[in-house]
Amino acid sequence: MPDLRGFGWSQAPPGAYAKATFAADVLALLDLEGLERVSIIGHDWGGYTAFLLALEHPQRLERLVALDIPPPWPGAFQLRQLALPLLASYQALLATPVLGQLALTRSPHLVRTLIRAGSGPESQWTTEQLDSYADVLREPARARASSACYRTFLTRELVEHARRYHPGELSVPALLLMGARSAIRQILEPSPEHNLRVQTLPRAGHFLPEEAPEQVLELAEAWFGV
């Protein structure tokens, strides 16, 4: 259960934090551990990384579960997507050089607000729980990493990946779990495509591992055949 570079307890070296780099890190870990083919589950950028692995290195994955993250290909346009700039506004803030880093290092309030706003109505976060995430991201190297992660995505990868990837290329059986109260699901509403199955967890928001751990575990075990 690794943290992506720049997050959690993984190192945060300088760099652009391209999502292909995240995928390369996972591949290197599999090689180091002698794991030829695995099933994988990931949340948010971890789920996005899992999609890239499935698209670029399908021979290394048996199955995948992605948690509340849209696939890298664009879906059919719907009017609700006009609200996408509002959804991405926090990403633009974090992606802004210097300002994004300062927003994370100066205070834990931004991370607290984002987690609470992204959660379902039944979530009960304590300040201590929120700050277990905020305090790590307040470290300067990790704040720079987070800013670079969003900046690279918004300025390069968002368009590049939309042009490059198509749902018909997904050969790995994939399960996408979305929170019913997640803004990502409400605005983008990813749909089943070829080998992609989509399932919504009622009353949950974006943070599915914390908000609905039993449901996520049950569905993942069934998908993986555990």
Protein backbone atom coordinates (compact mmCIF):
# COMPACT_ATOMS: atom_id res chain seq x y z
CA MET A 1 0.00 0.00 0.00
CA PRO A 2 2.38 2.73 -1.20
CA ASP A 3 1.88 6.47 -1.05
CA LEU A 4 2.45 8.27 -4.33
CA ARG A 5 5.59 10.40 -4.40
CA GLY A 6 4.98 13.72 -2.66
CA PHE A 7 2.11 12.34 -0.57
CA GLY A 8 1.83 10.59 2.79
CA TRP A 9 5.15 9.19 3.92
CA SER A 10 6.75 8.91 0.48
CA GLN A 11 9.57 11.26 -0.42
CA ALA A 12 8.79 14.50 -2.24
CA PRO A 13 11.67 15.11 -4.66
CA PRO A 14 11.65 18.07 -7.07
CA GLY A 15 9.85 17.51 -10.36
CA ALA A 16 6.75 18.11 -12.44
CA TYR A 17 4.75 15.29 -10.81
CA ALA A 18 3.39 14.02 -14.11
CA LYS A 19 0.91 11.21 -13.65
CA ALA A 20 3.03 9.04 -15.94
CA THR A 21 5.74 9.39 -13.30
CA PHE A 22 3.33 8.08 -10.68
CA ALA A 23 2.63 5.09 -12.92
CA ALA A 24 6.34 4.51 -13.49
CA ASP A 25 6.90 4.54 -9.72
CA VAL A 26 4.27 1.83 -9.26
CA LEU A 27 5.80 -0.27 -12.04
CA ALA A 28 9.23 0.07 -10.45
CA LEU A 29 7.78 -1.06 -7.12
CA LEU A 30 6.17 -4.10 -8.75
CA ASP A 31 9.48 -4.99 -10.38
CA LEU A 32 11.34 -4.54 -7.11
CA GLU A 33 8.90 -6.82 -5.30
CA GLY A 34 8.93 -9.38 -8.12
CA LEU A 35 5.21 -8.96 -8.80
CA GLU A 36 4.47 -9.67 -12.44
CA ARG A 37 0.68 -9.19 -12.43
CA VAL A 38 -1.51 -7.67 -9.72
CA SER A 39 -4.91 -6.25 -8.95
CA ILE A 40 -4.84 -2.64 -7.84
CA ILE A 41 -7.08 -0.16 -6.04
CA GLY A 42 -6.53 3.57 -5.85
CA HIS A 43 -8.31 6.73 -4.74
CA ASP A 44 -8.19 10.11 -6.48
CA TRP A 45 -4.72 10.49 -8.08
CA GLY A 46 -4.07 6.88 -7.11
CA GLY A 47 -7.14 5.85 -9.09
CA TYR A 48 -6.08 8.01 -12.03
CA THR A 49 -2.66 6.35 -11.91
CA ALA A 50 -4.34 2.94 -11.93
CA PHE A 51 -6.20 3.88 -15.12
CA LEU A 52 -2.94 4.94 -16.77
CA LEU A 53 -1.34 1.64 -15.78
CA ALA A 54 -4.28 -0.28 -17.22
CA LEU A 55 -4.13 1.66 -20.48
CA GLU A 56 -0.35 1.65 -20.93
CA HIS A 57 0.65 -1.61 -19.23
CA PRO A 58 -2.40 -3.91 -19.26
CA GLN A 59 -0.19 -6.99 -19.02
CA ARG A 60 0.72 -6.00 -15.44
CA LEU A 61 -2.84 -5.70 -14.12
CA GLU A 62 -5.51 -8.33 -13.58
CA ARG A 63 -8.26 -5.99 -12.36
CA LEU A 64 -8.55 -2.51 -10.94
CA VAL A 65 -10.81 -0.52 -8.66
CA ALA A 66 -10.73 3.28 -8.90
CA LEU A 67 -12.36 5.44 -6.24
CA ASP A 68 -14.11 8.69 -7.16
CA ILE A 69 -11.91 9.85 -10.00
CA PRO A 70 -12.91 10.27 -13.66
CA PRO A 71 -11.07 8.17 -16.25
CA PRO A 72 -8.52 10.04 -18.38
CA TRP A 73 -10.76 10.03 -21.46
CA PRO A 74 -13.56 12.61 -21.88
CA GLY A 75 -17.17 11.52 -21.59
CA ALA A 76 -20.12 12.76 -23.61
CA PHE A 77 -20.83 16.44 -23.03
CA GLN A 78 -23.71 17.28 -20.71
CA LEU A 79 -24.98 20.68 -19.59
CA ARG A 80 -24.00 20.01 -16.00
CA GLN A 81 -20.37 20.11 -17.11
CA LEU A 82 -20.67 23.89 -17.43
CA ALA A 83 -20.09 23.87 -13.66
CA LEU A 84 -16.68 22.25 -14.17
CA PRO A 85 -14.71 25.51 -13.69
CA LEU A 86 -16.26 25.83 -10.24
CA LEU A 87 -15.23 22.26 -9.40
CA ALA A 88 -11.70 22.93 -10.61
CA SER A 89 -11.32 26.29 -8.88
CA TYR A 90 -9.41 24.83 -5.94
CA GLN A 91 -7.14 23.03 -8.40
CA ALA A 92 -6.35 26.33 -10.11
CA LEU A 93 -5.47 27.84 -6.74
CA LEU A 94 -3.19 24.96 -5.79
CA ALA A 95 -1.61 24.93 -9.26
CA THR A 96 -0.62 28.60 -9.13
CA PRO A 97 3.13 28.98 -8.56
CA VAL A 98 4.03 30.25 -5.08
CA LEU A 99 0.40 30.97 -4.17
CA GLY A 100 -0.58 27.29 -4.22
CA GLN A 101 2.31 26.36 -1.98
CA LEU A 102 1.57 29.20 0.44
CA ALA A 103 -2.10 28.19 0.65
CA LEU A 104 -0.99 24.82 2.00
CA THR A 105 1.90 25.84 4.24
CA ARG A 106 0.46 28.93 5.92
CA SER A 107 -2.51 27.24 7.57
CA PRO A 108 -4.38 23.92 7.80
CA HIS A 109 -7.69 25.68 6.99
CA LEU A 110 -7.64 25.07 3.23
CA VAL A 111 -7.23 21.32 3.57
CA ARG A 112 -9.81 21.18 6.35
CA THR A 113 -12.30 23.10 4.19
CA LEU A 114 -11.68 21.01 1.07
CA ILE A 115 -12.14 17.72 2.91
CA ARG A 116 -15.30 18.84 4.66
CA ALA A 117 -16.74 20.31 1.45
CA GLY A 118 -15.96 17.16 -0.49
CA SER A 119 -17.52 14.79 2.03
CA GLY A 120 -21.06 13.47 2.25
CA PRO A 121 -23.60 14.80 4.77
CA GLU A 122 -23.06 12.00 7.25
CA SER A 123 -19.30 12.44 7.55
CA GLN A 124 -18.10 13.47 11.00
CA TRP A 125 -14.50 14.67 10.77
CA THR A 126 -12.65 15.76 13.89
CA THR A 127 -10.05 18.52 13.68
CA GLU A 128 -7.38 15.99 14.61
CA GLN A 129 -8.38 13.73 11.73
CA LEU A 130 -8.37 16.60 9.25
CA ASP A 131 -5.00 17.82 10.45
CA SER A 132 -3.48 14.38 10.00
CA TYR A 133 -3.80 15.22 6.29
CA ALA A 134 -3.21 18.98 6.51
CA ASP A 135 -0.04 18.78 8.61
CA VAL A 136 1.73 16.53 6.12
CA LEU A 137 0.85 18.83 3.21
CA ARG A 138 2.11 21.85 5.14
CA GLU A 139 5.67 20.57 4.80
CA PRO A 140 7.30 22.78 2.11
CA ALA A 141 8.50 19.92 -0.10
CA ARG A 142 5.07 18.28 -0.09
CA ALA A 143 3.30 21.59 -0.67
CA ARG A 144 5.53 22.15 -3.72
CA ALA A 145 4.76 18.62 -4.88
CA SER A 146 1.00 19.13 -4.58
CA SER A 147 1.19 22.40 -6.48
CA ALA A 148 3.28 20.80 -9.23
CA CYS A 149 0.87 17.85 -9.43
CA TYR A 150 -2.12 20.08 -10.18
CA ARG A 151 -0.16 22.52 -12.35
CA THR A 152 1.11 19.74 -14.61
CA PHE A 153 -2.36 18.28 -14.88
CA LEU A 154 -4.17 21.52 -15.72
CA THR A 155 -1.57 22.95 -18.08
CA ARG A 156 -0.61 19.79 -19.95
CA GLU A 157 -2.13 16.46 -19.05
CA LEU A 158 -5.83 17.34 -19.05
CA VAL A 159 -5.86 18.00 -22.79
CA GLU A 160 -3.11 15.53 -23.72
CA HIS A 161 -4.80 12.60 -22.01
CA ALA A 162 -8.25 13.50 -23.36
CA ARG A 163 -6.82 13.32 -26.88
CA ARG A 164 -4.70 10.24 -26.29
CA TYR A 165 -6.94 7.81 -24.44
CA HIS A 166 -10.24 6.22 -25.41
CA PRO A 167 -12.50 3.87 -23.43
CA GLY A 168 -12.24 1.19 -26.10
CA GLU A 169 -8.55 0.83 -25.25
CA LEU A 170 -9.29 -0.32 -21.71
CA SER A 171 -8.74 -4.08 -21.70
CA VAL A 172 -8.38 -4.52 -17.93
CA PRO A 173 -11.69 -5.14 -16.10
CA ALA A 174 -12.23 -1.98 -14.07
CA LEU A 175 -14.69 -0.96 -11.37
CA LEU A 176 -15.19 2.76 -10.73
CA LEU A 177 -16.84 3.57 -7.41
CA MET A 178 -18.28 7.08 -7.09
CA GLY A 179 -19.81 8.85 -4.11
CA ALA A 180 -23.42 9.91 -4.75
CA ARG A 181 -22.69 13.27 -3.07
CA SER A 182 -19.34 13.72 -4.79
CA ALA A 183 -19.08 16.84 -6.97
CA ILE A 184 -17.01 14.82 -9.44
CA ARG A 185 -19.85 12.38 -9.92
CA GLN A 186 -22.57 15.03 -10.01
CA ILE A 187 -20.80 17.19 -12.61
CA LEU A 188 -18.91 14.67 -14.74
CA GLU A 189 -21.01 11.54 -14.08
CA PRO A 190 -18.67 8.93 -15.64
CA SER A 191 -20.58 6.24 -17.50
CA PRO A 192 -19.91 2.52 -18.06
CA GLU A 193 -17.68 1.95 -21.09
CA HIS A 194 -16.59 -1.41 -22.49
CA ASN A 195 -14.56 -2.94 -19.61
CA LEU A 196 -15.49 -0.19 -17.15
CA ARG A 197 -18.27 -0.74 -14.64
CA VAL A 198 -19.48 2.25 -12.61
CA GLN A 199 -21.22 2.00 -9.25
CA THR A 200 -22.41 4.78 -6.94
CA LEU A 201 -22.26 4.60 -3.15
CA PRO A 202 -25.27 6.39 -1.63
CA ARG A 203 -24.77 9.41 0.63
CA ALA A 204 -20.98 9.22 0.35
CA GLY A 205 -18.87 12.08 -0.96
CA HIS A 206 -15.41 12.06 -2.48
CA PHE A 207 -13.46 10.42 0.34
CA LEU A 208 -14.75 6.88 -0.05
CA PRO A 209 -12.02 5.04 1.90
CA GLU A 210 -12.84 7.14 4.98
CA GLU A 211 -16.58 7.63 4.45
CA ALA A 212 -17.61 4.15 3.35
CA PRO A 213 -14.75 1.77 4.20
CA GLU A 214 -16.93 -1.32 4.68
CA GLN A 215 -18.71 -0.84 1.36
CA VAL A 216 -15.47 -0.18 -0.50
CA LEU A 217 -13.86 -3.28 0.99
CA GLU A 218 -16.85 -5.50 0.25
CA LEU A 219 -17.13 -4.35 -3.36
CA ALA A 220 -13.38 -4.50 -3.95
CA GLU A 221 -13.09 -8.02 -2.55
CA ALA A 222 -15.98 -9.18 -4.72
CA TRP A 223 -14.43 -7.54 -7.81
CA PHE A 224 -11.04 -9.05 -7.10
CA GLY A 225 -12.53 -12.45 -6.27
CA VAL A 226 -11.03 -12.49 -2.77
